[in-house]
N, C-alpha and C. Protein backbone atom coordinates (compact mmCIF):
# COMPACT_ATOMS: atom_id res chain seq x y z
N MET A 1 -29.87 55.92 50.54
CA MET A 1 -29.67 54.88 51.55
C MET A 1 -28.41 54.11 51.16
N THR A 2 -27.58 53.88 52.17
CA THR A 2 -26.35 53.12 51.97
C THR A 2 -26.30 51.99 52.99
N GLY A 3 -25.35 51.10 52.83
CA GLY A 3 -25.16 50.02 53.79
C GLY A 3 -25.69 48.70 53.30
N ILE A 4 -25.66 47.76 54.20
CA ILE A 4 -26.01 46.35 53.88
C ILE A 4 -27.46 46.21 53.39
N TYR A 5 -28.37 47.05 53.89
CA TYR A 5 -29.77 46.91 53.54
C TYR A 5 -30.18 47.79 52.33
N ALA A 6 -29.22 48.48 51.74
CA ALA A 6 -29.53 49.33 50.58
C ALA A 6 -30.13 48.57 49.41
N PRO A 7 -29.67 47.35 49.11
CA PRO A 7 -30.28 46.64 47.98
C PRO A 7 -31.79 46.34 48.21
N LEU A 8 -32.18 46.07 49.43
CA LEU A 8 -33.60 45.84 49.72
C LEU A 8 -34.38 47.14 49.52
N HIS A 9 -33.82 48.24 49.99
CA HIS A 9 -34.46 49.54 49.80
C HIS A 9 -34.65 49.83 48.32
N THR A 10 -33.62 49.67 47.54
CA THR A 10 -33.69 49.93 46.10
C THR A 10 -34.73 49.06 45.43
N TYR A 11 -34.72 47.78 45.77
CA TYR A 11 -35.68 46.83 45.18
C TYR A 11 -37.11 47.28 45.48
N LEU A 12 -37.39 47.60 46.75
CA LEU A 12 -38.76 47.96 47.14
C LEU A 12 -39.16 49.32 46.55
N GLU A 13 -38.23 50.24 46.50
CA GLU A 13 -38.53 51.56 45.98
C GLU A 13 -38.85 51.51 44.47
N ASN A 14 -38.26 50.56 43.76
CA ASN A 14 -38.46 50.48 42.33
C ASN A 14 -39.59 49.55 41.89
N ARG A 15 -40.33 49.00 42.84
CA ARG A 15 -41.47 48.15 42.51
C ARG A 15 -42.72 49.01 42.40
N TYR A 16 -43.47 48.83 41.33
CA TYR A 16 -44.70 49.60 41.14
C TYR A 16 -45.90 49.00 41.89
N ALA A 17 -45.81 47.73 42.18
CA ALA A 17 -46.92 47.06 42.90
C ALA A 17 -47.06 47.63 44.29
N ASN A 18 -48.31 47.74 44.74
CA ASN A 18 -48.58 48.22 46.09
C ASN A 18 -48.15 47.20 47.15
N THR A 19 -48.15 45.93 46.78
CA THR A 19 -47.77 44.87 47.68
C THR A 19 -46.66 44.05 47.05
N VAL A 20 -45.59 43.84 47.81
CA VAL A 20 -44.48 43.02 47.38
C VAL A 20 -44.28 41.97 48.46
N VAL A 21 -44.33 40.71 48.08
CA VAL A 21 -44.11 39.63 49.04
C VAL A 21 -42.79 38.94 48.68
N LEU A 22 -41.90 38.88 49.65
CA LEU A 22 -40.59 38.25 49.47
C LEU A 22 -40.37 37.17 50.53
N THR A 23 -39.75 36.10 50.13
CA THR A 23 -39.34 35.09 51.13
C THR A 23 -38.10 35.62 51.82
N LEU A 24 -37.83 35.07 52.96
CA LEU A 24 -36.59 35.45 53.67
C LEU A 24 -35.36 35.10 52.82
N ALA A 25 -35.42 33.98 52.10
CA ALA A 25 -34.32 33.61 51.22
C ALA A 25 -34.15 34.62 50.09
N GLU A 26 -35.24 35.13 49.53
CA GLU A 26 -35.14 36.14 48.48
C GLU A 26 -34.51 37.43 49.01
N ILE A 27 -34.89 37.79 50.23
CA ILE A 27 -34.30 38.99 50.85
C ILE A 27 -32.80 38.78 51.05
N GLU A 28 -32.42 37.61 51.52
CA GLU A 28 -31.01 37.32 51.71
C GLU A 28 -30.27 37.33 50.37
N ASP A 29 -30.90 36.85 49.32
CA ASP A 29 -30.28 36.91 47.99
C ASP A 29 -30.07 38.35 47.55
N LEU A 30 -31.06 39.20 47.80
CA LEU A 30 -30.92 40.63 47.47
C LEU A 30 -29.76 41.26 48.24
N LEU A 31 -29.66 40.91 49.50
CA LEU A 31 -28.63 41.52 50.37
C LEU A 31 -27.25 40.92 50.13
N GLY A 32 -27.22 39.70 49.65
CA GLY A 32 -25.94 39.02 49.48
C GLY A 32 -25.34 38.52 50.78
N CYS A 33 -26.21 38.36 51.78
CA CYS A 33 -25.76 37.84 53.08
C CYS A 33 -26.96 37.30 53.84
N THR A 34 -26.69 36.63 54.94
CA THR A 34 -27.75 36.06 55.76
C THR A 34 -28.35 37.11 56.67
N LEU A 35 -29.66 37.07 56.82
CA LEU A 35 -30.34 37.93 57.79
C LEU A 35 -29.99 37.47 59.19
N PRO A 36 -30.01 38.38 60.17
CA PRO A 36 -29.74 37.95 61.54
C PRO A 36 -30.83 36.97 62.02
N ARG A 37 -30.48 36.17 63.00
CA ARG A 37 -31.41 35.19 63.56
C ARG A 37 -32.72 35.84 63.97
N ALA A 38 -32.65 37.02 64.55
CA ALA A 38 -33.86 37.72 64.99
C ALA A 38 -34.87 37.92 63.86
N ALA A 39 -34.41 38.15 62.65
CA ALA A 39 -35.30 38.33 61.50
C ALA A 39 -36.10 37.07 61.21
N HIS A 40 -35.56 35.91 61.59
CA HIS A 40 -36.21 34.63 61.34
C HIS A 40 -37.16 34.21 62.46
N VAL A 41 -36.96 34.75 63.66
CA VAL A 41 -37.73 34.26 64.82
C VAL A 41 -38.51 35.32 65.58
N ASP A 42 -38.24 36.59 65.33
CA ASP A 42 -38.86 37.68 66.10
C ASP A 42 -39.59 38.64 65.17
N ALA A 43 -40.91 38.59 65.18
CA ALA A 43 -41.69 39.48 64.31
C ALA A 43 -41.41 40.96 64.61
N GLY A 44 -41.01 41.25 65.84
CA GLY A 44 -40.70 42.63 66.21
C GLY A 44 -39.50 43.21 65.47
N TRP A 45 -38.64 42.34 64.97
CA TRP A 45 -37.47 42.81 64.17
C TRP A 45 -37.97 43.53 62.91
N TRP A 46 -39.14 43.16 62.44
CA TRP A 46 -39.72 43.75 61.24
C TRP A 46 -40.58 44.99 61.56
N GLY A 47 -40.28 45.64 62.69
CA GLY A 47 -41.03 46.83 63.10
C GLY A 47 -41.02 47.91 62.04
N ASN A 48 -42.01 48.76 62.11
CA ASN A 48 -42.19 49.79 61.11
C ASN A 48 -42.10 51.19 61.71
N ASP A 49 -41.02 51.43 62.45
CA ASP A 49 -40.83 52.74 63.02
C ASP A 49 -40.72 53.79 61.93
N ASN A 50 -41.04 55.01 62.29
CA ASN A 50 -40.92 56.13 61.36
C ASN A 50 -39.48 56.19 60.86
N ALA A 51 -39.32 56.27 59.55
CA ALA A 51 -37.96 56.31 58.95
C ALA A 51 -37.14 57.50 59.44
N ASN A 52 -37.80 58.58 59.82
CA ASN A 52 -37.09 59.75 60.28
C ASN A 52 -36.67 59.64 61.75
N LEU A 53 -37.25 58.67 62.48
CA LEU A 53 -36.96 58.54 63.88
C LEU A 53 -36.09 57.32 64.23
N THR A 54 -36.21 56.27 63.44
CA THR A 54 -35.47 55.05 63.77
C THR A 54 -34.02 55.15 63.29
N THR A 55 -33.16 54.51 64.05
CA THR A 55 -31.76 54.41 63.64
C THR A 55 -31.43 53.00 63.15
N ASP A 56 -32.41 52.11 63.14
CA ASP A 56 -32.21 50.74 62.69
C ASP A 56 -32.12 50.72 61.19
N PRO A 57 -30.96 50.37 60.62
CA PRO A 57 -30.82 50.40 59.17
C PRO A 57 -31.73 49.41 58.44
N HIS A 58 -32.03 48.29 59.09
CA HIS A 58 -32.89 47.33 58.41
C HIS A 58 -34.30 47.88 58.24
N SER A 59 -34.89 48.48 59.26
CA SER A 59 -36.25 49.00 59.12
C SER A 59 -36.29 50.26 58.25
N ARG A 60 -35.20 51.03 58.25
CA ARG A 60 -35.13 52.19 57.35
C ARG A 60 -35.19 51.77 55.89
N SER A 61 -34.71 50.57 55.57
CA SER A 61 -34.68 50.14 54.18
C SER A 61 -36.08 50.06 53.58
N TRP A 62 -37.08 49.64 54.37
CA TRP A 62 -38.43 49.59 53.82
C TRP A 62 -39.22 50.84 54.16
N THR A 63 -38.98 51.46 55.31
CA THR A 63 -39.78 52.66 55.62
C THR A 63 -39.39 53.82 54.72
N LEU A 64 -38.12 53.93 54.34
CA LEU A 64 -37.72 54.98 53.41
C LEU A 64 -38.25 54.71 51.99
N ALA A 65 -38.60 53.46 51.73
CA ALA A 65 -39.23 53.08 50.45
C ALA A 65 -40.76 53.18 50.56
N HIS A 66 -41.24 53.75 51.67
CA HIS A 66 -42.67 53.98 51.92
C HIS A 66 -43.44 52.66 51.99
N ARG A 67 -42.86 51.71 52.70
CA ARG A 67 -43.50 50.38 52.84
C ARG A 67 -43.65 50.04 54.32
N ILE A 68 -44.66 49.23 54.60
CA ILE A 68 -44.85 48.63 55.92
C ILE A 68 -44.58 47.15 55.79
N ALA A 69 -43.75 46.61 56.64
CA ALA A 69 -43.41 45.20 56.60
C ALA A 69 -44.30 44.41 57.53
N THR A 70 -44.85 43.32 57.03
CA THR A 70 -45.65 42.41 57.84
C THR A 70 -45.10 41.00 57.63
N PRO A 71 -44.38 40.48 58.62
CA PRO A 71 -43.79 39.16 58.44
C PRO A 71 -44.77 38.02 58.72
N ASN A 72 -44.57 36.93 58.03
CA ASN A 72 -45.25 35.67 58.34
C ASN A 72 -44.08 34.68 58.54
N LEU A 73 -43.62 34.60 59.77
CA LEU A 73 -42.42 33.84 60.04
C LEU A 73 -42.61 32.33 59.84
N LEU A 74 -43.81 31.85 60.04
CA LEU A 74 -44.07 30.42 59.77
C LEU A 74 -43.92 30.11 58.29
N ALA A 75 -44.38 31.02 57.45
CA ALA A 75 -44.26 30.83 55.99
C ALA A 75 -42.93 31.33 55.47
N ARG A 76 -42.15 31.99 56.33
CA ARG A 76 -40.84 32.55 55.96
C ARG A 76 -40.96 33.58 54.84
N THR A 77 -42.00 34.44 54.96
CA THR A 77 -42.22 35.51 54.00
C THR A 77 -42.42 36.84 54.71
N VAL A 78 -42.25 37.93 53.96
CA VAL A 78 -42.55 39.27 54.47
C VAL A 78 -43.33 39.99 53.39
N ASN A 79 -44.44 40.58 53.81
CA ASN A 79 -45.30 41.36 52.94
C ASN A 79 -44.94 42.82 53.11
N PHE A 80 -44.53 43.49 52.05
CA PHE A 80 -44.19 44.90 52.09
C PHE A 80 -45.30 45.68 51.40
N GLU A 81 -46.11 46.38 52.17
CA GLU A 81 -47.27 47.11 51.63
C GLU A 81 -46.93 48.59 51.55
N ARG A 82 -47.26 49.20 50.40
CA ARG A 82 -47.01 50.61 50.22
C ARG A 82 -47.87 51.44 51.17
N GLN A 83 -47.24 52.44 51.80
CA GLN A 83 -47.97 53.34 52.70
C GLN A 83 -48.62 54.46 51.89
N GLY A 84 -49.75 54.91 52.40
CA GLY A 84 -50.39 56.08 51.81
C GLY A 84 -50.94 55.83 50.53
């Protein structure tokens, strides 16, 4: 995985825990840039399309790491649960 979301992918792929909870600020720190506004206000941005079918680089970062993202936008956190 390459591109702006590669650091998130690497971080999630290298975690042994089945559940990883990150704040939006922690994700931005990993990426070294600000997430788009949609990531802060639209739970659909955190969709979990099949990594082989989606062209969205942000969702590929967690789906290729075999994770499902579940945002809690009020708490400003995202729960990344290991699939399978």
